[in-house]
Each structure stands twice: as C-alpha cells, then as structure tokens.
C-alpha cells in the first residue's frame, strides 16, 4: 500500500512539473505546442535513463517510471494538440509537430539509455 501511495505522490509531482513547464513564456507559441513537445522529449530522455538504472517491477520503477514520468509526460495532450492543428487546418504544422515529436522523443530515449548505461 505504501508503494501505491508513494507512486500517487510521484505522479502528482510529475503532473505539477508538467503544468509549470507548460506555463513557461519561452515555450508559449500560439501556433506550435512547444511545451508539450519539450515535456515529452525530456520525459523520454528521463525514461531511457531511468530504465537503465532501475530494475523493472521494483518499487523505484513504480514510483519513478509509472508515477513521476507517467504524470509528467503527456501523450493525450500530444494527441489533442495534433487534433487541434488539423481542425484549424494547419496541416504543415501538424506534420512538423507530429514528426518532430516522434523523432526527438526516440532520439531522447536512446540518448537516455546511452547515458544511463554509463552508470550501470
């Protein structure tokens, strides 16, 4: 029970950090949702890094990966951003945002795995 409560607190902290980053003026752009992209890229790096250091099915994995990073990253917001770009007929931005996010999150998780492996 303690692990579940700790995971819930970690998820709340991840979601709070996401909300804070989402409000940063440097990432505000009415055309392109850079804040969601930055959050997901950072989360992908942290995911890769963490899985190299923390064994799956442990309390740390539950707290960090499932809790904190699950609360921090946001695929649902990514999907909503994509939908809104299409609805607003911003097709070029839709493809730029979609492809950039997928590419850079893959690069970030790979980089996280590489950096994490240096500590194993």
PDB file of N, CA and C in Angstrom:
ATOM      1  N   UNK A   1       0.826  -1.211   0.000  1.00  0.00           N
ATOM      2  CA  UNK A   1       0.000   0.000   0.000  1.00  0.00           C
ATOM      3  C   UNK A   1       0.861   1.261   0.000  1.00  0.00           C
ATOM      4  N   UNK A   2       1.963   1.214   0.734  1.00  0.00           N
ATOM      5  CA  UNK A   2       2.867   2.373   0.790  1.00  0.00           C
ATOM      6  C   UNK A   2       3.404   2.699  -0.595  1.00  0.00           C
ATOM      7  N   UNK A   3       3.754   1.673  -1.387  1.00  0.00           N
ATOM      8  CA  UNK A   3       4.288   1.910  -2.732  1.00  0.00           C
ATOM      9  C   UNK A   3       3.265   2.602  -3.622  1.00  0.00           C
ATOM     10  N   UNK A   4       2.019   2.213  -3.515  1.00  0.00           N
ATOM     11  CA  UNK A   4       0.968   2.833  -4.325  1.00  0.00           C
ATOM     12  C   UNK A   4       0.786   4.293  -3.924  1.00  0.00           C
ATOM     13  N   UNK A   5       0.790   4.575  -2.650  1.00  0.00           N
ATOM     14  CA  UNK A   5       0.655   5.965  -2.188  1.00  0.00           C
ATOM     15  C   UNK A   5       1.848   6.807  -2.633  1.00  0.00           C
ATOM     16  N   UNK A   6       3.036   6.234  -2.528  1.00  0.00           N
ATOM     17  CA  UNK A   6       4.235   6.949  -2.965  1.00  0.00           C
ATOM     18  C   UNK A   6       4.182   7.199  -4.469  1.00  0.00           C
ATOM     19  N   UNK A   7       3.726   6.209  -5.244  1.00  0.00           N
ATOM     20  CA  UNK A   7       3.587   6.363  -6.691  1.00  0.00           C
ATOM     21  C   UNK A   7       2.580   7.466  -7.016  1.00  0.00           C
ATOM     22  N   UNK A   8       1.504   7.537  -6.231  1.00  0.00           N
ATOM     23  CA  UNK A   8       0.497   8.580  -6.457  1.00  0.00           C
ATOM     24  C   UNK A   8       1.075   9.969  -6.194  1.00  0.00           C
ATOM     25  N   UNK A   9       1.871  10.104  -5.152  1.00  0.00           N
ATOM     26  CA  UNK A   9       2.522  11.388  -4.846  1.00  0.00           C
ATOM     27  C   UNK A   9       3.499  11.743  -5.962  1.00  0.00           C
ATOM     28  N   UNK A  10       4.267  10.752  -6.433  1.00  0.00           N
ATOM     29  CA  UNK A  10       5.215  10.988  -7.526  1.00  0.00           C
ATOM     30  C   UNK A  10       4.485  11.424  -8.797  1.00  0.00           C
ATOM     31  N   UNK A  11       3.337  10.795  -9.088  1.00  0.00           N
ATOM     32  CA  UNK A  11       2.549  11.175 -10.265  1.00  0.00           C
ATOM     33  C   UNK A  11       2.049  12.611 -10.134  1.00  0.00           C
ATOM     34  N   UNK A  12       1.639  12.982  -8.936  1.00  0.00           N
ATOM     35  CA  UNK A  12       1.184  14.361  -8.706  1.00  0.00           C
ATOM     36  C   UNK A  12       2.332  15.344  -8.902  1.00  0.00           C
ATOM     37  N   UNK A  13       3.519  14.984  -8.452  1.00  0.00           N
ATOM     38  CA  UNK A  13       4.686  15.855  -8.649  1.00  0.00           C
ATOM     39  C   UNK A  13       5.034  15.975 -10.131  1.00  0.00           C
ATOM     40  N   UNK A  14       4.968  14.865 -10.857  1.00  0.00           N
ATOM     41  CA  UNK A  14       5.228  14.902 -12.297  1.00  0.00           C
ATOM     42  C   UNK A  14       4.218  15.774 -13.023  1.00  0.00           C
ATOM     43  N   UNK A  15       2.948  15.633 -12.673  1.00  0.00           N
ATOM     44  CA  UNK A  15       1.896  16.444 -13.301  1.00  0.00           C
ATOM     45  C   UNK A  15       2.067  17.921 -12.947  1.00  0.00           C
ATOM     46  N   UNK A  16       2.487  18.200 -11.722  1.00  0.00           N
ATOM     47  CA  UNK A  16       2.712  19.590 -11.302  1.00  0.00           C
ATOM     48  C   UNK A  16       3.870  20.212 -12.081  1.00  0.00           C
ATOM     49  N   UNK A  17       4.939  19.439 -12.263  1.00  0.00           N
ATOM     50  CA  UNK A  17       6.069  19.938 -13.047  1.00  0.00           C
ATOM     51  C   UNK A  17       5.648  20.175 -14.492  1.00  0.00           C
ATOM     52  N   UNK A  18       4.847  19.262 -15.043  1.00  0.00           N
ATOM     53  CA  UNK A  18       4.337  19.442 -16.408  1.00  0.00           C
ATOM     54  C   UNK A  18       3.536  20.732 -16.513  1.00  0.00           C
ATOM     55  N   UNK A  19       2.655  20.985 -15.550  1.00  0.00           N
ATOM     56  CA  UNK A  19       1.837  22.203 -15.568  1.00  0.00           C
ATOM     57  C   UNK A  19       2.719  23.449 -15.474  1.00  0.00           C
ATOM     58  N   UNK A  20       3.764  23.384 -14.661  1.00  0.00           N
ATOM     59  CA  UNK A  20       4.677  24.522 -14.518  1.00  0.00           C
ATOM     60  C   UNK A  20       5.398  24.797 -15.846  1.00  0.00           C
ATOM     61  N   UNK A  21       5.953  23.752 -16.449  1.00  0.00           N
ATOM     62  CA  UNK A  21       6.677  23.913 -17.716  1.00  0.00           C
ATOM     63  C   UNK A  21       5.741  24.406 -18.813  1.00  0.00           C
ATOM     64  N   UNK A  22       4.514  23.912 -18.801  1.00  0.00           N
ATOM     65  CA  UNK A  22       3.537  24.318 -19.816  1.00  0.00           C
ATOM     66  C   UNK A  22       3.271  25.823 -19.776  1.00  0.00           C
ATOM     67  N   UNK A  23       3.460  26.443 -18.629  1.00  0.00           N
ATOM     68  CA  UNK A  23       3.191  27.873 -18.476  1.00  0.00           C
ATOM     69  C   UNK A  23       4.402  28.762 -18.754  1.00  0.00           C
ATOM     70  N   UNK A  24       5.570  28.176 -18.993  1.00  0.00           N
ATOM     71  CA  UNK A  24       6.773  28.983 -19.217  1.00  0.00           C
ATOM     72  C   UNK A  24       6.635  29.827 -20.484  1.00  0.00           C
ATOM     73  N   UNK A  25       6.853  31.124 -20.363  1.00  0.00           N
ATOM     74  CA  UNK A  25       6.700  32.012 -21.527  1.00  0.00           C
ATOM     75  C   UNK A  25       7.598  31.632 -22.706  1.00  0.00           C
ATOM     76  N   UNK A  26       8.786  31.110 -22.445  1.00  0.00           N
ATOM     77  CA  UNK A  26       9.715  30.771 -23.519  1.00  0.00           C
ATOM     78  C   UNK A  26       9.162  29.662 -24.422  1.00  0.00           C
ATOM     79  N   UNK A  27       8.244  28.852 -23.903  1.00  0.00           N
ATOM     80  CA  UNK A  27       7.666  27.759 -24.686  1.00  0.00           C
ATOM     81  C   UNK A  27       6.284  28.088 -25.233  1.00  0.00           C
ATOM     82  N   UNK A  28       5.812  29.284 -24.972  1.00  0.00           N
ATOM     83  CA  UNK A  28       4.481  29.677 -25.459  1.00  0.00           C
ATOM     84  C   UNK A  28       4.566  30.059 -26.930  1.00  0.00           C
ATOM     85  N   UNK A  29       3.684  29.508 -27.700  1.00  0.00           N
ATOM     86  CA  UNK A  29       3.572  29.827 -29.111  1.00  0.00           C
ATOM     87  C   UNK A  29       2.160  29.448 -29.517  1.00  0.00           C
ATOM     88  N   UNK A  30       1.433  30.390 -30.051  1.00  0.00           N
ATOM     89  CA  UNK A  30       0.032  30.093 -30.352  1.00  0.00           C
ATOM     90  C   UNK A  30      -0.129  29.142 -31.534  1.00  0.00           C
ATOM     91  N   UNK A  31       0.900  28.975 -32.342  1.00  0.00           N
ATOM     92  CA  UNK A  31       0.802  28.077 -33.485  1.00  0.00           C
ATOM     93  C   UNK A  31       1.334  26.674 -33.185  1.00  0.00           C
ATOM     94  N   UNK A  32       2.427  26.582 -32.473  1.00  0.00           N
ATOM     95  CA  UNK A  32       3.087  25.294 -32.253  1.00  0.00           C
ATOM     96  C   UNK A  32       3.148  24.994 -30.758  1.00  0.00           C
ATOM     97  N   UNK A  33       2.684  23.827 -30.323  1.00  0.00           N
ATOM     98  CA  UNK A  33       2.685  23.465 -28.897  1.00  0.00           C
ATOM     99  C   UNK A  33       4.058  22.976 -28.419  1.00  0.00           C
ATOM    100  N   UNK A  34       5.011  23.911 -28.340  1.00  0.00           N
ATOM    101  CA  UNK A  34       6.375  23.550 -27.950  1.00  0.00           C
ATOM    102  C   UNK A  34       6.458  23.007 -26.528  1.00  0.00           C
ATOM    103  N   UNK A  35       5.608  23.454 -25.639  1.00  0.00           N
ATOM    104  CA  UNK A  35       5.708  22.991 -24.253  1.00  0.00           C
ATOM    105  C   UNK A  35       5.436  21.492 -24.162  1.00  0.00           C
ATOM    106  N   UNK A  36       4.421  21.006 -24.846  1.00  0.00           N
ATOM    107  CA  UNK A  36       4.126  19.571 -24.830  1.00  0.00           C
ATOM    108  C   UNK A  36       5.277  18.792 -25.454  1.00  0.00           C
ATOM    109  N   UNK A  37       5.819  19.310 -26.542  1.00  0.00           N
ATOM    110  CA  UNK A  37       6.940  18.650 -27.198  1.00  0.00           C
ATOM    111  C   UNK A  37       8.143  18.584 -26.256  1.00  0.00           C
ATOM    112  N   UNK A  38       8.471  19.685 -25.611  1.00  0.00           N
ATOM    113  CA  UNK A  38       9.614  19.725 -24.690  1.00  0.00           C
ATOM    114  C   UNK A  38       9.414  18.767 -23.521  1.00  0.00           C
ATOM    115  N   UNK A  39       8.219  18.731 -22.981  1.00  0.00           N
ATOM    116  CA  UNK A  39       7.910  17.834 -21.866  1.00  0.00           C
ATOM    117  C   UNK A  39       8.086  16.382 -22.294  1.00  0.00           C
ATOM    118  N   UNK A  40       7.549  16.025 -23.440  1.00  0.00           N
ATOM    119  CA  UNK A  40       7.637  14.639 -23.891  1.00  0.00           C
ATOM    120  C   UNK A  40       9.063  14.236 -24.261  1.00  0.00           C
ATOM    121  N   UNK A  41       9.842  15.156 -24.813  1.00  0.00           N
ATOM    122  CA  UNK A  41      11.242  14.854 -25.132  1.00  0.00           C
ATOM    123  C   UNK A  41      12.043  14.683 -23.844  1.00  0.00           C
ATOM    124  N   UNK A  42      11.856  15.586 -22.892  1.00  0.00           N
ATOM    125  CA  UNK A  42      12.554  15.459 -21.609  1.00  0.00           C
ATOM    126  C   UNK A  42      12.134  14.176 -20.897  1.00  0.00           C
ATOM    127  N   UNK A  43      10.855  13.880 -20.919  1.00  0.00           N
ATOM    128  CA  UNK A  43      10.354  12.657 -20.292  1.00  0.00           C
ATOM    129  C   UNK A  43      10.912  11.409 -20.953  1.00  0.00           C
ATOM    130  N   UNK A  44      11.056  11.433 -22.275  1.00  0.00           N
ATOM    131  CA  UNK A  44      11.619  10.285 -22.993  1.00  0.00           C
ATOM    132  C   UNK A  44      13.071  10.059 -22.585  1.00  0.00           C
ATOM    133  N   UNK A  45      13.833  11.152 -22.475  1.00  0.00           N
ATOM    134  CA  UNK A  45      15.223  11.024 -22.018  1.00  0.00           C
ATOM    135  C   UNK A  45      15.261  10.439 -20.609  1.00  0.00           C
ATOM    136  N   UNK A  46      14.458  10.999 -19.722  1.00  0.00           N
ATOM    137  CA  UNK A  46      14.439  10.513 -18.340  1.00  0.00           C
ATOM    138  C   UNK A  46      13.982   9.055 -18.259  1.00  0.00           C
ATOM    139  N   UNK A  47      13.066   8.668 -19.130  1.00  0.00           N
ATOM    140  CA  UNK A  47      12.606   7.283 -19.171  1.00  0.00           C
ATOM    141  C   UNK A  47      13.755   6.355 -19.557  1.00  0.00           C
ATOM    142  N   UNK A  48      14.455   6.691 -20.630  1.00  0.00           N
ATOM    143  CA  UNK A  48      15.594   5.878 -21.054  1.00  0.00           C
ATOM    144  C   UNK A  48      16.660   5.801 -19.985  1.00  0.00           C
ATOM    145  N   UNK A  49      16.969   6.931 -19.373  1.00  0.00           N
ATOM    146  CA  UNK A  49      17.971   6.992 -18.316  1.00  0.00           C
ATOM    147  C   UNK A  49      17.560   6.135 -17.125  1.00  0.00           C
ATOM    148  N   UNK A  50      16.316   6.268 -16.716  1.00  0.00           N
ATOM    149  CA  UNK A  50      15.828   5.574 -15.533  1.00  0.00           C
ATOM    150  C   UNK A  50      15.785   4.063 -15.714  1.00  0.00           C
ATOM    151  N   UNK A  51      15.320   3.599 -16.867  1.00  0.00           N
ATOM    152  CA  UNK A  51      15.211   2.150 -17.049  1.00  0.00           C
ATOM    153  C   UNK A  51      16.576   1.465 -17.080  1.00  0.00           C
ATOM    154  N   UNK A  52      17.618   2.220 -17.346  1.00  0.00           N
ATOM    155  CA  UNK A  52      18.959   1.639 -17.284  1.00  0.00           C
ATOM    156  C   UNK A  52      19.435   1.496 -15.838  1.00  0.00           C
ATOM    157  N   UNK A  53      18.884   2.287 -14.946  1.00  0.00           N
ATOM    158  CA  UNK A  53      19.357   2.298 -13.558  1.00  0.00           C
ATOM    159  C   UNK A  53      18.446   1.579 -12.582  1.00  0.00           C
ATOM    160  N   UNK A  54      17.196   1.435 -12.947  1.00  0.00           N
ATOM    161  CA  UNK A  54      16.196   0.885 -12.027  1.00  0.00           C
ATOM    162  C   UNK A  54      15.619  -0.390 -12.618  1.00  0.00           C
ATOM    163  N   UNK A  55      15.675  -1.459 -11.873  1.00  0.00           N
ATOM    164  CA  UNK A  55      15.135  -2.734 -12.345  1.00  0.00           C
ATOM    165  C   UNK A  55      13.615  -2.656 -12.439  1.00  0.00           C
ATOM    166  N   UNK A  56      13.087  -3.250 -13.519  1.00  0.00           N
ATOM    167  CA  UNK A  56      11.641  -3.280 -13.714  1.00  0.00           C
ATOM    168  C   UNK A  56      10.990  -4.087 -12.586  1.00  0.00           C
ATOM    169  N   UNK A  57       9.753  -3.751 -12.283  1.00  0.00           N
ATOM    170  CA  UNK A  57       8.981  -4.432 -11.230  1.00  0.00           C
ATOM    171  C   UNK A  57       9.557  -4.232  -9.837  1.00  0.00           C
ATOM    172  N   UNK A  58      10.204  -3.090  -9.622  1.00  0.00           N
ATOM    173  CA  UNK A  58      10.657  -2.736  -8.275  1.00  0.00           C
ATOM    174  C   UNK A  58       9.862  -1.530  -7.811  1.00  0.00           C
ATOM    175  N   UNK A  59       9.969  -1.215  -6.548  1.00  0.00           N
ATOM    176  CA  UNK A  59       9.252  -0.047  -6.034  1.00  0.00           C
ATOM    177  C   UNK A  59       9.774   1.235  -6.665  1.00  0.00           C
ATOM    178  N   UNK A  60      11.050   1.305  -6.970  1.00  0.00           N
ATOM    179  CA  UNK A  60      11.605   2.511  -7.591  1.00  0.00           C
ATOM    180  C   UNK A  60      11.069   2.707  -9.002  1.00  0.00           C
ATOM    181  N   UNK A  61      10.939   1.608  -9.729  1.00  0.00           N
ATOM    182  CA  UNK A  61      10.367   1.665 -11.080  1.00  0.00           C
ATOM    183  C   UNK A  61       8.927   2.172 -11.006  1.00  0.00           C
ATOM    184  N   UNK A  62       8.166   1.612 -10.095  1.00  0.00           N
ATOM    185  CA  UNK A  62       6.774   2.022  -9.909  1.00  0.00           C
ATOM    186  C   UNK A  62       6.680   3.511  -9.580  1.00  0.00           C
ATOM    187  N   UNK A  63       7.543   3.973  -8.702  1.00  0.00           N
ATOM    188  CA  UNK A  63       7.497   5.366  -8.261  1.00  0.00           C
ATOM    189  C   UNK A  63       7.989   6.318  -9.350  1.00  0.00           C
ATOM    190  N   UNK A  64       9.144   6.018  -9.951  1.00  0.00           N
ATOM    191  CA  UNK A  64       9.751   6.952 -10.902  1.00  0.00           C
ATOM    192  C   UNK A  64       9.116   6.855 -12.293  1.00  0.00           C
ATOM    193  N   UNK A  65       9.085   5.637 -12.840  1.00  0.00           N
ATOM    194  CA  UNK A  65       8.624   5.469 -14.226  1.00  0.00           C
ATOM    195  C   UNK A  65       7.107   5.573 -14.317  1.00  0.00           C
ATOM    196  N   UNK A  66       6.416   4.743 -13.542  1.00  0.00           N
ATOM    197  CA  UNK A  66       4.957   4.747 -13.609  1.00  0.00           C
ATOM    198  C   UNK A  66       4.382   6.005 -12.981  1.00  0.00           C
ATOM    199  N   UNK A  67       4.907   6.389 -11.824  1.00  0.00           N
ATOM    200  CA  UNK A  67       4.371   7.545 -11.111  1.00  0.00           C
ATOM    201  C   UNK A  67       4.823   8.872 -11.695  1.00  0.00           C
ATOM    202  N   UNK A  68       6.072   9.241 -11.393  1.00  0.00           N
ATOM    203  CA  UNK A  68       6.550  10.570 -11.774  1.00  0.00           C
ATOM    204  C   UNK A  68       6.527  10.796 -13.285  1.00  0.00           C
ATOM    205  N   UNK A  69       7.162   9.897 -14.052  1.00  0.00           N
ATOM    206  CA  UNK A  69       7.228  10.104 -15.506  1.00  0.00           C
ATOM    207  C   UNK A  69       5.873   9.904 -16.175  1.00  0.00           C
ATOM    208  N   UNK A  70       5.054   9.016 -15.605  1.00  0.00           N
ATOM    209  CA  UNK A  70       3.693   8.854 -16.113  1.00  0.00           C
ATOM    210  C   UNK A  70       2.863  10.113 -15.919  1.00  0.00           C
ATOM    211  N   UNK A  71       3.069  10.787 -14.795  1.00  0.00           N
ATOM    212  CA  UNK A  71       2.367  12.043 -14.536  1.00  0.00           C
ATOM    213  C   UNK A  71       2.960  13.214 -15.311  1.00  0.00           C
ATOM    214  N   UNK A  72       4.265  13.132 -15.584  1.00  0.00           N
ATOM    215  CA  UNK A  72       4.963  14.229 -16.252  1.00  0.00           C
ATOM    216  C   UNK A  72       4.708  14.247 -17.755  1.00  0.00           C
ATOM    217  N   UNK A  73       4.891  13.115 -18.430  1.00  0.00           N
ATOM    218  CA  UNK A  73       4.715  13.086 -19.882  1.00  0.00           C
ATOM    219  C   UNK A  73       3.232  13.016 -20.218  1.00  0.00           C
ATOM    220  N   UNK A  74       2.922  13.338 -21.449  1.00  0.00           N
ATOM    221  CA  UNK A  74       1.515  13.500 -21.767  1.00  0.00           C
ATOM    222  C   UNK A  74       1.179  13.182 -23.213  1.00  0.00           C
ATOM    223  N   UNK A  75       0.954  11.914 -23.470  1.00  0.00           N
ATOM    224  CA  UNK A  75       0.570  11.524 -24.825  1.00  0.00           C
ATOM    225  C   UNK A  75      -0.813  12.063 -25.181  1.00  0.00           C
ATOM    226  N   UNK A  76      -1.699  12.100 -24.219  1.00  0.00           N
ATOM    227  CA  UNK A  76      -3.056  12.588 -24.510  1.00  0.00           C
ATOM    228  C   UNK A  76      -3.037  14.054 -24.936  1.00  0.00           C
ATOM    229  N   UNK A  77      -2.178  14.866 -24.325  1.00  0.00           N
ATOM    230  CA  UNK A  77      -2.075  16.266 -24.738  1.00  0.00           C
ATOM    231  C   UNK A  77      -1.480  16.353 -26.137  1.00  0.00           C
ATOM    232  N   UNK A  78      -0.509  15.516 -26.419  1.00  0.00           N
ATOM    233  CA  UNK A  78       0.089  15.441 -27.754  1.00  0.00           C
ATOM    234  C   UNK A  78      -0.992  15.140 -28.799  1.00  0.00           C
ATOM    235  N   UNK A  79      -1.843  14.163 -28.517  1.00  0.00           N
ATOM    236  CA  UNK A  79      -2.918  13.798 -29.441  1.00  0.00           C
ATOM    237  C   UNK A  79      -3.912  14.951 -29.609  1.00  0.00           C
ATOM    238  N   UNK A  80      -4.241  15.625 -28.519  1.00  0.00           N
ATOM    239  CA  UNK A  80      -5.162  16.764 -28.598  1.00  0.00           C
ATOM    240  C   UNK A  80      -4.548  17.904 -29.413  1.00  0.00           C
ATOM    241  N   UNK A  81      -3.261  18.166 -29.202  1.00  0.00           N
ATOM    242  CA  UNK A  81      -2.579  19.196 -29.985  1.00  0.00           C
ATOM    243  C   UNK A  81      -2.630  18.860 -31.474  1.00  0.00           C
ATOM    244  N   UNK A  82      -2.396  17.598 -31.802  1.00  0.00           N
ATOM    245  CA  UNK A  82      -2.462  17.171 -33.204  1.00  0.00           C
ATOM    246  C   UNK A  82      -3.864  17.403 -33.768  1.00  0.00           C
ATOM    247  N   UNK A  83      -4.858  16.994 -33.017  1.00  0.00           N
ATOM    248  CA  UNK A  83      -6.242  17.162 -33.459  1.00  0.00           C
ATOM    249  C   UNK A  83      -6.557  18.637 -33.703  1.00  0.00           C
ATOM    250  N   UNK A  84      -6.154  19.494 -32.773  1.00  0.00           N
ATOM    251  CA  UNK A  84      -6.437  20.924 -32.912  1.00  0.00           C
ATOM    252  C   UNK A  84      -5.737  21.525 -34.128  1.00  0.00           C
ATOM    253  N   UNK A  85      -4.511  21.105 -34.389  1.00  0.00           N
ATOM    254  CA  UNK A  85      -3.817  21.602 -35.577  1.00  0.00           C
ATOM    255  C   UNK A  85      -4.558  21.189 -36.852  1.00  0.00           C
ATOM    256  N   UNK A  86      -5.039  19.975 -36.878  1.00  0.00           N
ATOM    257  CA  UNK A  86      -5.816  19.535 -38.048  1.00  0.00           C
ATOM    258  C   UNK A  86      -7.141  20.278 -38.152  1.00  0.00           C
ATOM    259  N   UNK A  87      -7.792  20.452 -37.024  1.00  0.00           N
ATOM    260  CA  UNK A  87      -9.088  21.156 -37.011  1.00  0.00           C
ATOM    261  C   UNK A  87      -8.929  22.591 -37.500  1.00  0.00           C
ATOM    262  N   UNK A  88      -7.803  23.197 -37.148  1.00  0.00           N
ATOM    263  CA  UNK A  88      -7.529  24.577 -37.561  1.00  0.00           C
ATOM    264  C   UNK A  88      -6.915  24.648 -38.961  1.00  0.00           C
ATOM    265  N   UNK A  89      -6.858  23.492 -39.629  1.00  0.00           N
ATOM    266  CA  UNK A  89      -6.332  23.388 -40.992  1.00  0.00           C
ATOM    267  C   UNK A  89      -4.870  23.846 -41.095  1.00  0.00           C
ATOM    268  N   UNK A  90      -4.111  23.572 -40.067  1.00  0.00           N
ATOM    269  CA  UNK A  90      -2.674  23.873 -40.046  1.00  0.00           C
ATOM    270  C   UNK A  90      -1.916  22.581 -40.344  1.00  0.00           C
ATOM    271  N   UNK A  91      -2.095  22.103 -41.551  1.00  0.00           N
ATOM    272  CA  UNK A  91      -1.578  20.796 -41.947  1.00  0.00           C
ATOM    273  C   UNK A  91      -0.057  20.729 -41.869  1.00  0.00           C
ATOM    274  N   UNK A  92       0.629  21.759 -42.343  1.00  0.00           N
ATOM    275  CA  UNK A  92       2.098  21.756 -42.295  1.00  0.00           C
ATOM    276  C   UNK A  92       2.585  21.700 -40.853  1.00  0.00           C
ATOM    277  N   UNK A  93       1.962  22.500 -39.980  1.00  0.00           N
ATOM    278  CA  UNK A  93       2.348  22.473 -38.567  1.00  0.00           C
ATOM    279  C   UNK A  93       2.020  21.126 -37.930  1.00  0.00           C
ATOM    280  N   UNK A  94       0.905  20.528 -38.332  1.00  0.00           N
ATOM    281  CA  UNK A  94       0.550  19.201 -37.830  1.00  0.00           C
ATOM    282  C   UNK A  94       1.672  18.209 -38.117  1.00  0.00           C
ATOM    283  N   UNK A  95       2.131  18.164 -39.364  1.00  0.00           N
ATOM    284  CA  UNK A  95       3.183  17.222 -39.727  1.00  0.00           C
ATOM    285  C   UNK A  95       4.515  17.581 -39.066  1.00  0.00           C
ATOM    286  N   UNK A  96       4.819  18.871 -39.016  1.00  0.00           N
ATOM    287  CA  UNK A  96       6.061  19.310 -38.370  1.00  0.00           C
ATOM    288  C   UNK A  96       6.058  18.902 -36.899  1.00  0.00           C
ATOM    289  N   UNK A  97       4.971  19.188 -36.212  1.00  0.00           N
ATOM    290  CA  UNK A  97       4.842  18.867 -34.794  1.00  0.00           C
ATOM    291  C   UNK A  97       4.861  17.362 -34.554  1.00  0.00           C
ATOM    292  N   UNK A  98       4.079  16.621 -35.318  1.00  0.00           N
ATOM    293  CA  UNK A  98       3.974  15.174 -35.136  1.00  0.00           C
ATOM    294  C   UNK A  98       5.299  14.477 -35.393  1.00  0.00           C
ATOM    295  N   UNK A  99       5.895  14.759 -36.533  1.00  0.00           N
ATOM    296  CA  UNK A  99       7.154  14.107 -36.887  1.00  0.00           C
ATOM    297  C   UNK A  99       8.289  14.536 -35.974  1.00  0.00           C
ATOM    298  N   UNK A 100       8.339  15.822 -35.624  1.00  0.00           N
ATOM    299  CA  UNK A 100       9.386  16.308 -34.717  1.00  0.00           C
ATOM    300  C   UNK A 100       9.268  15.654 -33.351  1.00  0.00           C
ATOM    301  N   UNK A 101       8.056  15.574 -32.827  1.00  0.00           N
ATOM    302  CA  UNK A 101       7.871  14.981 -31.508  1.00  0.00           C
ATOM    303  C   UNK A 101       8.269  13.509 -31.509  1.00  0.00           C
ATOM    304  N   UNK A 102       7.790  12.753 -32.482  1.00  0.00           N
ATOM    305  CA  UNK A 102       8.121  11.325 -32.533  1.00  0.00           C
ATOM    306  C   UNK A 102       9.624  11.130 -32.721  1.00  0.00           C
ATOM    307  N   UNK A 103      10.228  11.863 -33.644  1.00  0.00           N
ATOM    308  CA  UNK A 103      11.665  11.721 -33.894  1.00  0.00           C
ATOM    309  C   UNK A 103      12.478  12.079 -32.656  1.00  0.00           C
ATOM    310  N   UNK A 104      12.217  13.259 -32.085  1.00  0.00           N
ATOM    311  CA  UNK A 104      13.046  13.702 -30.973  1.00  0.00           C
ATOM    312  C   UNK A 104      12.804  12.924 -29.679  1.00  0.00           C
ATOM    313  N   UNK A 105      11.610  12.369 -29.483  1.00  0.00           N
ATOM    314  CA  UNK A 105      11.420  11.520 -28.310  1.00  0.00           C
ATOM    315  C   UNK A 105      12.172  10.198 -28.483  1.00  0.00           C
ATOM    316  N   UNK A 106      12.215   9.670 -29.702  1.00  0.00           N
ATOM    317  CA  UNK A 106      13.015   8.467 -29.943  1.00  0.00           C
ATOM    318  C   UNK A 106      14.501   8.736 -29.720  1.00  0.00           C
ATOM    319  N   UNK A 107      14.985   9.866 -30.220  1.00  0.00           N
ATOM    320  CA  UNK A 107      16.384  10.238 -30.007  1.00  0.00           C
ATOM    321  C   UNK A 107      16.646  10.433 -28.509  1.00  0.00           C
ATOM    322  N   UNK A 108      15.724  11.075 -27.827  1.00  0.00           N
ATOM    323  CA  UNK A 108      15.909  11.348 -26.397  1.00  0.00           C
ATOM    324  C   UNK A 108      15.929  10.072 -25.576  1.00  0.00           C
ATOM    325  N   UNK A 109      15.032   9.131 -25.864  1.00  0.00           N
ATOM    326  CA  UNK A 109      15.033   7.883 -25.096  1.00  0.00           C
ATOM    327  C   UNK A 109      16.308   7.093 -25.390  1.00  0.00           C
ATOM    328  N   UNK A 110      16.770   7.105 -26.628  1.00  0.00           N
ATOM    329  CA  UNK A 110      18.025   6.425 -26.963  1.00  0.00           C
ATOM    330  C   UNK A 110      19.201   7.078 -26.230  1.00  0.00           C
ATOM    331  N   UNK A 111      19.227   8.401 -26.210  1.00  0.00           N
ATOM    332  CA  UNK A 111      20.284   9.125 -25.501  1.00  0.00           C
ATOM    333  C   UNK A 111      20.229   8.831 -24.010  1.00  0.00           C
ATOM    334  N   UNK A 112      19.014   8.774 -23.460  1.00  0.00           N
ATOM    335  CA  UNK A 112      18.850   8.432 -22.043  1.00  0.00           C
ATOM    336  C   UNK A 112      19.366   7.033 -21.741  1.00  0.00           C
ATOM    337  N   UNK A 113      19.083   6.085 -22.631  1.00  0.00           N
ATOM    338  CA  UNK A 113      19.586   4.720 -22.457  1.00  0.00           C
ATOM    339  C   UNK A 113      21.116   4.687 -22.497  1.00  0.00           C
ATOM    340  N   UNK A 114      21.692   5.456 -23.410  1.00  0.00           N
ATOM    341  CA  UNK A 114      23.166   5.511 -23.519  1.00  0.00           C
ATOM    342  C   UNK A 114      23.772   6.123 -22.263  1.00  0.00           C
ATOM    343  N   UNK A 115      23.241   7.260 -21.836  1.00  0.00           N
ATOM    344  CA  UNK A 115      23.771   7.916 -20.643  1.00  0.00           C
ATOM    345  C   UNK A 115      23.551   7.045 -19.409  1.00  0.00           C
ATOM    346  N   UNK A 116      22.361   6.458 -19.305  1.00  0.00           N
ATOM    347  CA  UNK A 116      22.075   5.587 -18.174  1.00  0.00           C
ATOM    348  C   UNK A 116      22.994   4.389 -18.110  1.00  0.00           C
ATOM    349  N   UNK A 117      23.352   3.850 -19.291  1.00  0.00           N
ATOM    350  CA  UNK A 117      24.241   2.671 -19.311  1.00  0.00           C
ATOM    351  C   UNK A 117      25.628   3.003 -18.781  1.00  0.00           C
ATOM    352  N   UNK A 118      26.004   4.257 -18.802  1.00  0.00           N
ATOM    353  CA  UNK A 118      27.310   4.668 -18.273  1.00  0.00           C
ATOM    354  C   UNK A 118      27.372   4.560 -16.750  1.00  0.00           C
ATOM    355  N   UNK A 119      26.203   4.510 -16.124  1.00  0.00           N
ATOM    356  CA  UNK A 119      26.155   4.436 -14.667  1.00  0.00           C
ATOM    357  C   UNK A 119      25.911   3.024 -14.162  1.00  0.00           C
ATOM    358  N   UNK A 120      25.771   2.078 -15.072  1.00  0.00           N
ATOM    359  CA  UNK A 120      25.485   0.694 -14.673  1.00  0.00           C
ATOM    360  C   UNK A 120      26.770  -0.070 -14.484  1.00  0.00           C
TER     361      UNK A 120
END
